[in-house]
Amino acid sequence: MDFSYDDSEQAIGDLALQVLTDGSDPAGLRELERPSDGSAPGPRFDRALWATLADTGILGACLPEDLPGGGGAALGLVAMGRICEAHGATAAAVPLWETLALGALPLAHLGFGKVRDSWLDRVAAGDAVLTAAWHEDGGEPGVPTARMSENGGGVTVTGSKVAVPAGQIADAAVVPVTGSDGEVALVLVELNQQGVTRTPLRTTAASPDANLDFVGATGDVIAVGADALSWAWQRAVATQCAVVTGGVATAMAITAQYTKDRKQFEQPIAAFQAVAHRAADAFVDTEGVRLTAAQALWRLEADMPAAAEVAIAKYWAADAGQRVVHAAMHLHGGMGVDRDYPVHRYFLQMKEHELQLGGASRSLVALGRLIAAGEA
């Protein structure tokens, strides 16, 4: 397998990294998270940066070319992974992974008609935030308990979803549901309607997540069947692993520079054997996260079976990703817990991504089932 990027993938990744880096300096993020005027922070969302992402074409880069608004460039899943990697690398306060991978991707490839086109045009223009509501309290993502009912030619959704990424600020969510006939489906539900209640969550990473309760909320069916849920789930997880790739790589880069600059006994601490070994282990883990995520994205873009590769990538992102950020915090000593120093954001956000869409144990269970069935 050749995981090297073509020119368009390289270019969109470089552009996304540049734009997100310019708009996500540590001082600006601190002010967003803890306003210096003493006011209470709002949802962690930099709307000015979101508009810049739209103006530079990043939001539309992976959307279809046939959109009425003309904002799509039809780049593939690997290119989206590059954008997500830049998102993780900068800890940017924008719902980039949530909108593009969780919401727009299944809508673009499984949806149809005016609903699809209008929402994706809004995404490309920076006028809409999307997400997906996969988690239920004690439930399985592929077997949703949220119910879909037909209602005069349309559908309504009733049920509850927990820990929805960007749930506080999203305009619509892709919601996995089960119909009255027992068939599962993906439904797009606009969140600014009477049948939807948002309960904001206070997370350690200050992410604008929320619980969502639906009571007869109207929606539009995107796709029906277990294959549709599997398609969307695998791509959600694989792109999340790309976010983790960027996050752990930046945590390692910050740590490498710190251990070269920090001196004890008139020597950089990077020269000490214990520090060097810990950093080397973290580097190996970082490359493991990067390669397994790249393999999963590559196979999915090529329409090859990838359930095992996605489970492996998620295991590495969850398990090895935590080892990397813990090593970064450890090697920084007291600086690692200073919230004015940038490395803490990567620790908190990687912990969130470890548990979102299932952690290491869930990934191993999924992989074990595939092996037992002879599919891995």
Protein backbone atom coordinates (compact mmCIF):
# COMPACT_ATOMS: atom_id res chain seq x y z
CA MET A 1 0.00 0.00 0.00
CA ASP A 2 1.19 3.51 -0.86
CA PHE A 3 0.04 5.99 1.76
CA SER A 4 1.77 8.98 0.16
CA TYR A 5 -0.52 11.92 -0.62
CA ASP A 6 -1.30 13.17 -4.10
CA ASP A 7 -0.98 16.87 -4.89
CA SER A 8 -4.56 17.78 -3.97
CA GLU A 9 -4.43 15.88 -0.66
CA GLN A 10 -1.11 17.48 0.24
CA ALA A 11 -2.34 20.94 -0.71
CA ILE A 12 -5.61 20.82 1.24
CA GLY A 13 -3.82 19.43 4.29
CA ASP A 14 -1.20 22.19 4.16
CA LEU A 15 -3.85 24.87 3.65
CA ALA A 16 -5.99 23.61 6.52
CA LEU A 17 -2.98 23.47 8.83
CA GLN A 18 -1.94 27.00 7.92
CA VAL A 19 -5.41 28.50 8.36
CA LEU A 20 -6.07 26.66 11.62
CA THR A 21 -2.63 27.50 13.01
CA ASP A 22 -3.04 31.19 12.21
CA GLY A 23 -6.46 31.23 13.87
CA SER A 24 -5.64 29.12 16.92
CA ASP A 25 -2.72 30.73 18.73
CA PRO A 26 -2.54 29.77 22.42
CA ALA A 27 -3.33 33.31 23.61
CA GLY A 28 -6.47 33.46 21.49
CA LEU A 29 -7.62 30.06 22.69
CA ARG A 30 -7.04 31.05 26.32
CA GLU A 31 -9.15 34.17 25.84
CA LEU A 32 -11.92 32.14 24.22
CA GLU A 33 -11.90 29.60 27.04
CA ARG A 34 -11.37 32.08 29.91
CA PRO A 35 -12.27 35.66 28.94
CA SER A 36 -9.98 38.16 30.64
CA ASP A 37 -12.90 40.49 31.39
CA GLY A 38 -14.27 37.96 33.85
CA SER A 39 -17.34 37.06 31.81
CA ALA A 40 -18.46 33.46 31.59
CA PRO A 41 -17.09 31.65 28.53
CA GLY A 42 -19.61 30.68 25.90
CA PRO A 43 -19.47 27.51 23.79
CA ARG A 44 -15.94 26.86 22.55
CA PHE A 45 -16.55 28.04 19.00
CA ASP A 46 -14.50 30.59 17.07
CA ARG A 47 -17.01 31.88 14.53
CA ALA A 48 -14.49 34.14 12.82
CA LEU A 49 -12.21 31.17 12.14
CA TRP A 50 -15.22 29.18 10.90
CA ALA A 51 -15.93 31.92 8.37
CA THR A 52 -12.30 31.86 7.25
CA LEU A 53 -12.51 28.10 6.70
CA ALA A 54 -15.49 28.72 4.43
CA ASP A 55 -13.81 31.59 2.55
CA THR A 56 -10.69 29.52 1.84
CA GLY A 57 -12.75 26.60 0.50
CA ILE A 58 -11.74 24.17 3.23
CA LEU A 59 -15.32 23.49 4.34
CA GLY A 60 -16.34 22.64 0.78
CA ALA A 61 -13.21 20.78 -0.28
CA CYS A 62 -14.65 17.30 0.28
CA LEU A 63 -18.26 18.07 -0.65
CA PRO A 64 -19.76 16.99 -4.00
CA GLU A 65 -19.10 19.11 -7.08
CA ASP A 66 -22.76 19.05 -8.15
CA LEU A 67 -24.03 21.30 -5.35
CA PRO A 68 -26.22 24.18 -6.60
CA GLY A 69 -24.02 26.69 -4.79
CA GLY A 70 -20.87 25.37 -6.47
CA GLY A 71 -18.89 25.18 -3.24
CA GLY A 72 -17.83 21.53 -3.45
CA ALA A 73 -14.49 20.28 -4.78
CA ALA A 74 -15.16 16.53 -4.41
CA LEU A 75 -11.87 15.59 -2.74
CA GLY A 76 -11.89 12.13 -1.18
CA LEU A 77 -11.80 10.63 2.28
CA VAL A 78 -8.02 10.74 2.55
CA ALA A 79 -8.16 14.49 1.90
CA MET A 80 -10.80 14.81 4.62
CA GLY A 81 -8.47 12.89 6.90
CA ARG A 82 -5.77 15.48 6.19
CA ILE A 83 -8.16 18.27 7.19
CA CYS A 84 -9.11 16.39 10.36
CA GLU A 85 -5.45 15.83 11.17
CA ALA A 86 -4.85 19.58 10.94
CA HIS A 87 -7.84 20.09 13.23
CA GLY A 88 -6.30 17.80 15.85
CA ALA A 89 -2.85 19.35 15.44
CA THR A 90 -4.07 22.84 16.29
CA ALA A 91 -6.74 22.12 18.93
CA ALA A 92 -8.80 24.66 16.99
CA ALA A 93 -12.09 25.86 18.47
CA VAL A 94 -14.19 24.91 15.45
CA PRO A 95 -16.47 21.88 14.86
CA LEU A 96 -14.56 20.78 11.77
CA TRP A 97 -14.52 17.00 12.31
CA GLU A 98 -18.07 17.08 13.61
CA THR A 99 -19.46 18.99 10.63
CA LEU A 100 -17.51 17.41 7.78
CA ALA A 101 -17.09 13.81 8.91
CA LEU A 102 -20.02 13.17 11.24
CA GLY A 103 -22.63 15.23 9.44
CA ALA A 104 -21.76 16.23 5.87
CA LEU A 105 -20.10 12.98 4.80
CA PRO A 106 -23.11 10.65 5.21
CA LEU A 107 -25.43 13.38 3.95
CA ALA A 108 -23.32 13.85 0.82
CA HIS A 109 -22.88 10.18 -0.08
CA LEU A 110 -26.08 8.60 1.24
CA GLY A 111 -28.54 11.49 1.04
CA PHE A 112 -30.39 12.90 -1.95
CA GLY A 113 -32.57 15.73 -3.19
CA LYS A 114 -33.11 19.27 -1.98
CA VAL A 115 -32.46 18.47 1.67
CA ARG A 116 -28.99 17.17 0.85
CA ASP A 117 -28.14 20.06 -1.47
CA SER A 118 -29.44 22.86 0.75
CA TRP A 119 -27.66 21.69 3.88
CA LEU A 120 -24.36 21.01 2.11
CA ASP A 121 -24.50 24.41 0.42
CA ARG A 122 -24.91 25.95 3.87
CA VAL A 123 -21.93 23.96 5.18
CA ALA A 124 -19.70 25.09 2.30
CA ALA A 125 -20.70 28.71 2.94
CA GLY A 126 -19.99 28.43 6.66
CA ASP A 127 -23.65 28.97 7.50
CA ALA A 128 -24.34 25.60 9.16
CA VAL A 129 -22.79 23.30 11.73
CA LEU A 130 -23.61 19.60 11.53
CA THR A 131 -22.94 16.63 13.77
CA ALA A 132 -24.10 13.07 14.42
CA ALA A 133 -25.77 11.66 17.53
CA TRP A 134 -24.44 8.11 17.83
CA HIS A 135 -24.36 7.54 21.58
CA GLU A 136 -27.23 6.38 23.76
CA ASP A 137 -27.08 5.72 27.48
CA GLY A 138 -26.14 2.04 27.69
CA GLY A 139 -26.96 1.43 24.04
CA GLU A 140 -25.09 0.18 21.00
CA PRO A 141 -24.52 2.59 18.08
CA GLY A 142 -25.67 0.03 15.52
CA VAL A 143 -28.83 -0.85 17.45
CA PRO A 144 -30.41 2.53 18.29
CA THR A 145 -33.37 2.73 20.65
CA ALA A 146 -34.42 6.14 19.32
CA ARG A 147 -37.59 5.54 17.32
CA MET A 148 -38.66 6.80 13.91
CA SER A 149 -42.34 7.08 13.01
CA GLU A 150 -43.98 8.03 9.74
CA ASN A 151 -46.06 11.17 9.90
CA GLY A 152 -48.00 12.35 6.87
CA GLY A 153 -45.32 11.62 4.32
CA GLY A 154 -42.51 12.68 6.63
CA VAL A 155 -40.91 11.13 9.70
CA THR A 156 -40.60 12.05 13.35
CA VAL A 157 -37.95 11.00 15.87
CA THR A 158 -38.42 10.26 19.56
CA GLY A 159 -35.62 9.24 21.91
CA SER A 160 -32.49 10.45 23.65
CA LYS A 161 -28.86 10.75 22.61
CA VAL A 162 -26.00 11.54 24.97
CA ALA A 163 -22.65 13.31 24.64
CA VAL A 164 -23.32 14.58 21.13
CA PRO A 165 -20.20 16.32 19.78
CA ALA A 166 -20.90 20.02 19.08
CA GLY A 167 -24.47 19.40 20.23
CA GLN A 168 -24.73 22.89 21.74
CA ILE A 169 -23.97 24.71 18.50
CA ALA A 170 -25.04 22.32 15.72
CA ASP A 171 -27.89 23.31 13.42
CA ALA A 172 -28.73 19.70 12.49
CA ALA A 173 -27.67 16.19 13.44
CA VAL A 174 -27.54 12.85 11.67
CA VAL A 175 -29.46 10.58 14.05
CA PRO A 176 -29.40 6.75 13.91
CA VAL A 177 -32.91 5.44 14.64
CA THR A 178 -35.02 2.29 14.48
CA GLY A 179 -38.30 2.36 12.55
CA SER A 180 -41.60 0.74 13.49
CA ASP A 181 -40.71 -2.21 11.25
CA GLY A 182 -37.42 -2.78 13.09
CA GLU A 183 -35.31 -1.42 10.25
CA VAL A 184 -32.56 1.01 11.24
CA ALA A 185 -32.02 4.29 9.42
CA LEU A 186 -30.16 7.58 9.44
CA VAL A 187 -32.34 10.67 9.79
CA LEU A 188 -31.30 14.31 9.53
CA VAL A 189 -32.97 16.30 12.29
CA GLU A 190 -32.87 20.08 12.48
CA LEU A 191 -32.09 20.92 16.10
CA ASN A 192 -33.69 24.36 16.29
CA GLN A 193 -37.24 23.09 16.55
CA GLN A 194 -39.79 22.58 19.29
CA GLY A 195 -39.38 18.81 19.46
CA VAL A 196 -35.69 18.97 20.39
CA THR A 197 -34.26 19.75 23.84
CA ARG A 198 -30.54 20.39 24.27
CA THR A 199 -28.84 19.94 27.63
CA PRO A 200 -25.34 21.45 27.53
CA LEU A 201 -22.56 19.36 29.04
CA ARG A 202 -19.55 20.63 30.95
CA THR A 203 -16.60 18.68 29.63
CA THR A 204 -12.97 18.81 30.75
CA ALA A 205 -11.96 19.84 27.22
CA ALA A 206 -14.61 22.61 27.20
CA SER A 207 -16.10 21.13 24.03
CA PRO A 208 -19.64 22.35 23.19
CA ASP A 209 -21.18 18.89 23.61
CA ALA A 210 -24.79 18.29 24.67
CA ASN A 211 -27.38 15.65 25.38
CA LEU A 212 -30.27 15.72 22.91
CA ASP A 213 -33.84 14.68 23.65
CA PHE A 214 -36.26 14.23 20.75
CA VAL A 215 -40.03 14.19 21.22
CA GLY A 216 -41.78 13.94 17.88
CA ALA A 217 -39.05 15.96 16.18
CA THR A 218 -39.48 16.13 12.42
CA GLY A 219 -36.68 14.86 10.22
CA ASP A 220 -35.63 13.72 6.76
CA VAL A 221 -34.52 10.17 6.03
CA ILE A 222 -30.99 10.02 4.63
CA ALA A 223 -30.63 6.26 4.22
CA VAL A 224 -32.19 3.02 5.48
CA GLY A 225 -30.54 -0.23 6.53
CA ALA A 226 -27.71 -1.58 8.65
CA ASP A 227 -25.24 -1.09 5.79
CA ALA A 228 -25.90 2.66 5.85
CA LEU A 229 -25.21 2.84 9.58
CA SER A 230 -22.04 0.79 9.18
CA TRP A 231 -20.88 3.00 6.30
CA ALA A 232 -21.32 6.19 8.33
CA TRP A 233 -19.90 4.70 11.55
CA GLN A 234 -16.69 3.41 9.98
CA ARG A 235 -15.96 6.76 8.35
CA ALA A 236 -16.75 8.66 11.53
CA VAL A 237 -14.27 6.52 13.47
CA ALA A 238 -11.54 6.59 10.82
CA THR A 239 -11.63 10.37 10.51
CA GLN A 240 -11.61 10.68 14.29
CA CYS A 241 -8.39 8.66 14.28
CA ALA A 242 -6.98 11.27 11.89
CA VAL A 243 -7.86 13.98 14.45
CA VAL A 244 -5.99 11.99 17.10
CA THR A 245 -3.02 11.62 14.73
CA GLY A 246 -2.67 15.39 14.52
CA GLY A 247 -3.14 15.85 18.24
CA VAL A 248 -0.56 13.33 19.42
CA ALA A 249 1.95 14.45 16.77
CA THR A 250 1.75 18.04 18.00
CA ALA A 251 1.94 16.96 21.64
CA MET A 252 5.12 15.08 20.76
CA ALA A 253 6.57 18.04 18.87
CA ILE A 254 5.94 20.39 21.81
CA THR A 255 7.49 17.84 24.16
CA ALA A 256 10.56 17.34 21.97
CA GLN A 257 11.23 21.07 21.92
CA TYR A 258 10.64 21.41 25.66
CA THR A 259 13.02 18.57 26.58
CA LYS A 260 15.72 20.13 24.39
CA ASP A 261 15.29 23.55 25.99
CA ARG A 262 14.78 22.49 29.63
CA LYS A 263 18.09 21.94 31.39
CA GLN A 264 19.10 20.21 34.59
CA PHE A 265 22.69 19.86 35.78
CA GLU A 266 23.59 22.08 32.81
CA GLN A 267 22.33 19.44 30.36
CA PRO A 268 19.14 19.31 28.29
CA ILE A 269 16.83 16.77 29.90
CA ALA A 270 16.45 15.18 26.46
CA ALA A 271 19.98 13.85 26.95
CA PHE A 272 18.95 11.85 30.02
CA GLN A 273 18.36 8.18 29.29
CA ALA A 274 15.00 7.89 31.08
CA VAL A 275 13.62 10.93 29.24
CA ALA A 276 14.94 9.74 25.88
CA HIS A 277 13.42 6.27 26.33
CA ARG A 278 10.03 7.69 27.32
CA ALA A 279 10.05 10.04 24.34
CA ALA A 280 11.14 7.25 21.98
CA ASP A 281 8.25 5.03 23.11
CA ALA A 282 5.85 7.92 22.56
CA PHE A 283 7.26 8.48 19.06
CA VAL A 284 6.67 4.82 18.18
CA ASP A 285 3.10 5.07 19.48
CA THR A 286 2.53 8.25 17.46
CA GLU A 287 3.63 6.54 14.27
CA GLY A 288 1.41 3.56 15.09
CA VAL A 289 -1.60 5.88 15.38
CA ARG A 290 -0.66 7.60 12.13
CA LEU A 291 -0.18 4.42 10.08
CA THR A 292 -3.26 2.58 11.30
CA ALA A 293 -5.43 5.65 10.67
CA ALA A 294 -3.94 6.04 7.19
CA GLN A 295 -4.62 2.38 6.38
CA ALA A 296 -8.26 2.64 7.48
CA LEU A 297 -8.87 5.82 5.48
CA TRP A 298 -7.12 4.45 2.40
CA ARG A 299 -9.17 1.24 2.38
CA LEU A 300 -12.44 3.09 2.94
CA GLU A 301 -11.73 5.50 0.10
CA ALA A 302 -10.93 2.53 -2.15
CA ASP A 303 -14.27 0.91 -1.16
CA MET A 304 -12.44 -2.09 0.28
CA PRO A 305 -13.64 -3.99 3.38
CA ALA A 306 -12.22 -2.06 6.32
CA ALA A 307 -14.12 -3.04 9.47
CA ALA A 308 -11.05 -4.69 11.01
CA GLU A 309 -8.74 -1.86 9.98
CA VAL A 310 -11.08 0.74 11.48
CA ALA A 311 -11.25 -1.20 14.76
CA ILE A 312 -7.45 -1.48 14.83
CA ALA A 313 -7.03 2.23 14.10
CA LYS A 314 -9.46 3.17 16.84
CA TYR A 315 -7.69 0.86 19.31
CA TRP A 316 -4.36 2.54 18.54
CA ALA A 317 -5.88 6.01 18.71
CA ALA A 318 -7.51 5.27 22.07
CA ASP A 319 -4.79 3.21 23.75
CA ALA A 320 -1.53 4.45 22.23
CA GLY A 321 -2.89 7.98 21.96
CA GLN A 322 -3.32 8.07 25.72
CA ARG A 323 0.22 6.81 26.27
CA VAL A 324 1.56 9.64 24.10
CA VAL A 325 -0.27 12.48 25.85
CA HIS A 326 0.49 11.02 29.29
CA ALA A 327 4.19 10.89 28.32
CA ALA A 328 3.98 14.49 27.14
CA MET A 329 2.51 15.62 30.45
CA HIS A 330 5.04 13.58 32.44
CA LEU A 331 8.06 14.92 30.57
CA HIS A 332 6.86 18.48 31.03
CA GLY A 333 6.77 18.06 34.80
CA GLY A 334 4.92 20.92 36.48
CA MET A 335 4.53 22.76 33.17
CA GLY A 336 2.28 19.97 31.96
CA VAL A 337 -0.53 20.94 34.31
CA ASP A 338 -0.24 24.69 33.66
CA ARG A 339 -3.39 25.69 31.77
CA ASP A 340 -1.54 28.68 30.29
CA TYR A 341 0.77 26.26 28.50
CA PRO A 342 -0.65 24.66 25.31
CA VAL A 343 0.12 20.98 25.93
CA HIS A 344 -2.82 20.54 28.33
CA ARG A 345 -5.32 21.02 25.48
CA TYR A 346 -3.99 17.99 23.65
CA PHE A 347 -4.21 15.87 26.78
CA LEU A 348 -7.83 16.85 27.40
CA GLN A 349 -8.96 16.58 23.80
CA MET A 350 -7.27 13.23 23.23
CA LYS A 351 -8.99 11.89 26.36
CA GLU A 352 -12.30 13.00 24.88
CA HIS A 353 -11.55 11.34 21.54
CA GLU A 354 -10.42 8.19 23.33
CA LEU A 355 -13.93 7.65 24.66
CA GLN A 356 -16.08 9.16 21.89
CA LEU A 357 -17.33 6.53 19.42
CA GLY A 358 -16.10 3.78 21.73
CA GLY A 359 -12.79 3.27 23.51
CA ALA A 360 -10.04 0.69 23.30
CA SER A 361 -12.06 -2.13 24.88
CA ARG A 362 -14.98 -1.68 22.49
CA SER A 363 -12.57 -1.73 19.56
CA LEU A 364 -11.00 -4.98 20.75
CA VAL A 365 -14.45 -6.55 21.16
CA ALA A 366 -15.36 -5.50 17.60
CA LEU A 367 -12.10 -6.89 16.28
CA GLY A 368 -12.58 -10.15 18.20
CA ARG A 369 -16.03 -10.62 16.66
CA LEU A 370 -14.59 -10.08 13.18
CA ILE A 371 -11.83 -12.63 13.83
CA ALA A 372 -14.33 -15.17 15.21
CA ALA A 373 -16.47 -14.70 12.09
CA GLY A 374 -13.46 -15.18 9.81
CA GLU A 375 -13.70 -11.62 8.53
CA ALA A 376 -10.35 -10.39 9.82
